[in-house]
Amino acid sequence: MSDKNGVETSEYKNGIERAEYGGAAPQVQSHRAAYPKRRLANPGPLGLFSFASTTLMLSLFNAQARGITTPNAVVGMALGVGGLAQLLAGMWEFACGNTFGATAFSSFGGFWLSYASIFVPGTGISAAYSTDPAAEQFSSALGIYLTTWGIVTFLLLVAATRRNIGLIALFLFLTITFFLLGAGFFTGMVAVTKAGGYMGVITALIAYYVGLAELLIRDESWFTLPLGQVSKRLD
C-alpha cells in the first residue's frame, strides 16, 4: 500500500516509529532516509612523517655525518615521535579498517620504543653488557635485533606489493637498511654500518614523499603526487 505521496505505508510507519524513538524520519519524497556517515581522518601522513624523521636522524648518525659516532641523541626522538606518535597512528589505522597500515605503524612504533630503551640507563639493558665477557656480546645482540626487524620488514614488503610503488620502494630500502646495519654489528665493519646509514637516509626521503602524497588530498590541494598504483590482476 502507498499514500498519496507515493511512499509505501509500511515504510512511512516505520519512519514515524524511528522518529518517536529518537531516530530520523524519512523524507516524504524519498523511499530511503539519508543517514550521515562518519569519516575518520587519514592517520597515514602522521605515521609516515614520524617514521621518516626518526629514521633520517638515526641514519645520519649511522653514516657518521659531521663525525657523530654516538647515536644516543636519537633517544628522545625515538620515544616521542618514532615510538608514541607512530604507535598512535597505527591504532587509528585499525579504526579506519586499514590492516596493513595498522600493522606497519604499530610494529615500527614498537621498534622505536624498544630501540630507545636500549640506550636509556634506567632499563639496565646496555649496562648488562658493560663488563666482560658480556661486552663482546653486545654487538652480536644488536645484530640479531636488527636482523629480526629486517625479516619483519621483508614480510611487510611482500604485503606492500599489492599497494603502490611508493610503499614497495619504502619497504625495499628499509629491508636493505636493516640487514646492512645488522651485518655491520656482526662484522664490526664501519663501512657496512655507514652503508646502512646511507640506505636509511634514502628510506627516510621515500617515506617523506609517500607521506606528503597521502597528505595532498585530491579535492583540497593544488596538486598531488603520484604513488604508482599497482594494477590488480583480473581473474
Protein backbone atom coordinates (compact mmCIF):
# COMPACT_ATOMS: atom_id res chain seq x y z
CA MET A 1 0.00 0.00 0.00
CA SER A 2 1.11 3.60 -0.56
CA ASP A 3 -0.15 7.03 0.38
CA LYS A 4 -0.84 9.95 -1.95
CA ASN A 5 2.80 10.96 -1.99
CA GLY A 6 3.88 7.57 -3.28
CA VAL A 7 5.57 6.46 -0.07
CA GLU A 8 4.79 2.92 0.97
CA THR A 9 2.64 2.85 4.11
CA SER A 10 4.81 0.32 5.94
CA GLU A 11 7.95 2.33 5.28
CA TYR A 12 6.23 5.53 6.34
CA LYS A 13 5.04 4.00 9.62
CA ASN A 14 8.48 2.61 10.31
CA GLY A 15 9.88 6.07 9.75
CA ILE A 16 7.44 7.56 12.24
CA GLU A 17 8.39 4.92 14.80
CA ARG A 18 12.10 5.71 14.30
CA ALA A 19 11.35 9.40 14.83
CA GLU A 20 9.42 8.68 18.03
CA TYR A 21 12.36 6.73 19.46
CA GLY A 22 14.97 9.31 18.53
CA GLY A 23 15.65 8.09 15.00
CA ALA A 24 15.49 10.08 11.80
CA ALA A 25 12.22 10.11 9.92
CA PRO A 26 12.49 9.63 6.14
CA GLN A 27 11.91 12.47 3.70
CA VAL A 28 8.47 12.31 2.13
CA GLN A 29 9.84 12.47 -1.39
CA SER A 30 12.34 9.64 -0.82
CA HIS A 31 11.91 5.93 -0.10
CA ARG A 32 15.13 5.90 1.99
CA ALA A 33 16.24 8.05 4.88
CA ALA A 34 19.67 9.67 4.49
CA TYR A 35 21.92 8.67 7.40
CA PRO A 36 25.20 10.65 7.68
CA LYS A 37 28.39 8.58 7.61
CA ARG A 38 31.21 9.39 9.98
CA ARG A 39 34.56 9.98 8.25
CA LEU A 40 37.87 9.42 10.02
CA ALA A 41 40.94 11.43 9.07
CA ASN A 42 43.83 9.59 7.43
CA PRO A 43 46.50 8.77 10.07
CA GLY A 44 48.96 7.69 7.35
CA PRO A 45 50.85 11.01 6.98
CA LEU A 46 51.40 11.22 10.74
CA GLY A 47 52.85 7.73 10.84
CA LEU A 48 54.99 8.23 7.75
CA PHE A 49 56.39 11.61 8.80
CA SER A 50 57.13 10.28 12.29
CA PHE A 51 58.91 7.26 10.84
CA ALA A 52 60.80 9.32 8.27
CA SER A 53 62.02 11.95 10.74
CA THR A 54 63.34 9.44 13.27
CA THR A 55 64.87 7.23 10.58
CA LEU A 56 66.61 10.19 8.96
CA MET A 57 68.11 11.29 12.26
CA LEU A 58 69.44 7.84 13.21
CA SER A 59 70.65 7.13 9.67
CA LEU A 60 72.72 10.31 9.63
CA PHE A 61 74.29 9.19 12.90
CA ASN A 62 74.99 5.73 11.45
CA ALA A 63 76.59 7.37 8.42
CA GLN A 64 78.71 9.38 10.89
CA ALA A 65 77.56 12.71 9.49
CA ARG A 66 79.68 15.56 10.90
CA GLY A 67 81.79 12.99 12.74
CA ILE A 68 78.99 11.76 15.03
CA THR A 69 79.61 8.21 16.25
CA THR A 70 77.32 8.08 19.31
CA PRO A 71 73.60 7.75 18.39
CA ASN A 72 72.15 8.43 21.86
CA ALA A 73 70.72 11.81 20.80
CA VAL A 74 68.04 9.93 18.88
CA VAL A 75 66.52 8.50 22.08
CA GLY A 76 64.11 11.39 22.70
CA MET A 77 63.03 11.39 19.06
CA ALA A 78 62.55 7.63 19.12
CA LEU A 79 60.40 7.76 22.24
CA GLY A 80 58.15 10.69 21.36
CA VAL A 81 57.95 10.71 17.57
CA GLY A 82 59.05 7.39 16.10
CA GLY A 83 57.54 5.50 19.02
CA LEU A 84 54.49 7.20 20.52
CA ALA A 85 53.24 9.17 17.50
CA GLN A 86 53.68 6.23 15.16
CA LEU A 87 52.00 3.83 17.58
CA LEU A 88 49.02 6.17 17.81
CA ALA A 89 48.85 6.33 14.01
CA GLY A 90 48.81 2.54 13.93
CA MET A 91 45.94 2.35 16.40
CA TRP A 92 43.89 4.79 14.33
CA GLU A 93 44.61 2.79 11.19
CA PHE A 94 42.79 -0.07 12.91
CA ALA A 95 39.79 2.23 13.36
CA CYS A 96 39.98 3.16 9.66
CA GLY A 97 39.97 -0.52 8.69
CA ASN A 98 43.48 -0.45 7.20
CA THR A 99 45.10 -3.66 8.45
CA PHE A 100 48.35 -3.10 6.55
CA GLY A 101 48.85 0.43 7.85
CA ALA A 102 47.88 -0.59 11.38
CA THR A 103 50.36 -3.47 11.37
CA ALA A 104 53.21 -1.44 9.88
CA PHE A 105 52.84 1.70 12.02
CA SER A 106 52.19 -0.19 15.26
CA SER A 107 55.13 -2.51 14.63
CA PHE A 108 57.61 0.26 13.92
CA GLY A 109 56.23 2.33 16.77
CA GLY A 110 57.13 -0.62 18.98
CA PHE A 111 60.51 -0.87 17.26
CA TRP A 112 61.46 2.71 18.08
CA LEU A 113 60.27 2.39 21.67
CA SER A 114 62.28 -0.80 22.14
CA TYR A 115 65.34 0.63 20.38
CA ALA A 116 65.30 3.73 22.56
CA SER A 117 65.00 1.62 25.71
CA ILE A 118 68.36 0.01 24.92
CA PHE A 119 70.09 3.36 25.42
CA VAL A 120 68.04 4.55 28.42
CA PRO A 121 70.20 3.93 31.52
CA GLY A 122 67.20 3.12 33.71
CA THR A 123 66.38 -0.01 31.73
CA GLY A 124 69.74 -1.59 32.51
CA ILE A 125 69.91 -3.15 29.04
CA SER A 126 73.17 -1.59 27.88
CA ALA A 127 74.60 -1.76 31.40
CA ALA A 128 74.23 -5.55 31.33
CA TYR A 129 76.83 -5.63 28.54
CA SER A 130 79.25 -3.16 30.11
CA THR A 131 81.57 -5.72 31.70
CA ASP A 132 83.49 -8.69 30.34
CA PRO A 133 82.69 -11.21 28.98
CA ALA A 134 79.25 -9.78 28.13
CA ALA A 135 80.81 -6.71 26.50
CA GLU A 136 81.77 -8.80 23.48
CA GLN A 137 78.17 -9.98 23.10
CA PHE A 138 76.60 -6.53 22.73
CA SER A 139 77.37 -6.12 19.02
CA SER A 140 76.09 -9.62 18.25
CA ALA A 141 72.93 -8.98 20.27
CA LEU A 142 72.24 -5.77 18.34
CA GLY A 143 73.00 -7.60 15.09
CA ILE A 144 70.35 -10.22 15.91
CA TYR A 145 67.92 -7.48 16.95
CA LEU A 146 68.30 -5.57 13.67
CA THR A 147 68.28 -8.72 11.52
CA THR A 148 65.00 -9.77 13.15
CA TRP A 149 63.48 -6.44 12.16
CA GLY A 150 64.87 -6.94 8.68
CA ILE A 151 62.80 -10.12 8.44
CA VAL A 152 59.67 -8.32 9.68
CA THR A 153 60.24 -5.55 7.14
CA PHE A 154 60.68 -8.06 4.33
CA LEU A 155 57.30 -9.62 5.17
CA LEU A 156 55.74 -6.15 5.03
CA LEU A 157 57.46 -5.67 1.68
CA VAL A 158 55.69 -8.76 0.37
CA ALA A 159 52.36 -7.35 1.55
CA ALA A 160 53.18 -3.94 0.05
CA THR A 161 53.35 -5.44 -3.46
CA ARG A 162 49.54 -5.16 -3.55
CA ARG A 163 49.66 -1.45 -2.60
CA ASN A 164 51.70 1.03 -4.63
CA ILE A 165 55.23 1.54 -5.91
CA GLY A 166 55.95 4.18 -3.26
CA LEU A 167 55.37 1.72 -0.42
CA ILE A 168 57.22 -1.03 -2.27
CA ALA A 169 60.29 1.22 -2.60
CA LEU A 170 59.99 2.27 1.05
CA PHE A 171 59.98 -1.27 2.46
CA LEU A 172 62.57 -2.48 -0.04
CA PHE A 173 65.13 0.12 1.02
CA LEU A 174 64.20 -0.34 4.68
CA THR A 175 64.78 -4.09 4.42
CA ILE A 176 68.22 -3.49 2.93
CA THR A 177 68.93 -0.92 5.67
CA PHE A 178 68.17 -3.34 8.48
CA PHE A 179 70.25 -6.15 7.01
CA LEU A 180 73.21 -3.85 6.38
CA LEU A 181 73.09 -2.47 9.92
CA GLY A 182 72.79 -5.98 11.31
CA ALA A 183 75.77 -7.09 9.23
CA GLY A 184 77.70 -4.07 10.45
CA PHE A 185 77.27 -5.12 14.07
CA PHE A 186 78.07 -8.76 13.30
CA THR A 187 81.27 -7.97 11.41
CA GLY A 188 82.32 -4.81 13.20
CA MET A 189 82.98 -3.16 9.82
CA VAL A 190 82.31 0.57 10.00
CA ALA A 191 81.92 0.79 6.21
CA VAL A 192 78.97 -1.63 6.31
CA THR A 193 77.28 0.36 9.08
CA LYS A 194 77.82 3.56 7.10
CA ALA A 195 76.26 1.91 4.04
CA GLY A 196 73.24 1.06 6.20
CA GLY A 197 73.10 4.71 7.23
CA TYR A 198 73.11 5.88 3.62
CA MET A 199 70.33 3.44 2.74
CA GLY A 200 68.39 4.67 5.77
CA VAL A 201 68.61 8.26 4.52
CA ILE A 202 67.14 7.17 1.18
CA THR A 203 64.42 5.25 3.03
CA ALA A 204 63.53 8.34 5.07
CA LEU A 205 63.27 10.52 1.95
CA ILE A 206 60.95 7.98 0.33
CA ALA A 207 58.80 7.93 3.48
CA TYR A 208 58.58 11.73 3.38
CA TYR A 209 57.43 11.56 -0.24
CA VAL A 210 54.77 8.90 0.43
CA GLY A 211 53.55 10.81 3.49
CA LEU A 212 53.26 14.05 1.52
CA ALA A 213 51.47 12.23 -1.30
CA GLU A 214 48.86 10.98 1.18
CA LEU A 215 48.58 14.41 2.79
CA LEU A 216 47.80 16.16 -0.51
CA ILE A 217 44.12 15.29 -0.87
CA ARG A 218 42.92 15.49 -4.46
CA ASP A 219 39.88 17.69 -3.79
CA GLU A 220 41.66 20.02 -1.33
CA SER A 221 45.16 20.56 -2.80
CA TRP A 222 46.55 22.49 -5.74
CA PHE A 223 48.50 19.43 -6.87
CA THR A 224 49.02 15.79 -5.97
CA LEU A 225 51.98 13.40 -6.04
CA PRO A 226 51.79 10.04 -7.82
CA LEU A 227 52.45 6.85 -5.87
CA GLY A 228 52.38 4.45 -8.79
CA GLN A 229 49.29 2.38 -8.19
CA VAL A 230 49.89 -1.32 -8.71
CA SER A 231 47.31 -2.77 -11.10
CA LYS A 232 45.40 -5.74 -9.78
CA ARG A 233 45.17 -8.91 -11.81
CA LEU A 234 41.71 -9.54 -13.21
CA ASP A 235 40.56 -13.16 -12.86
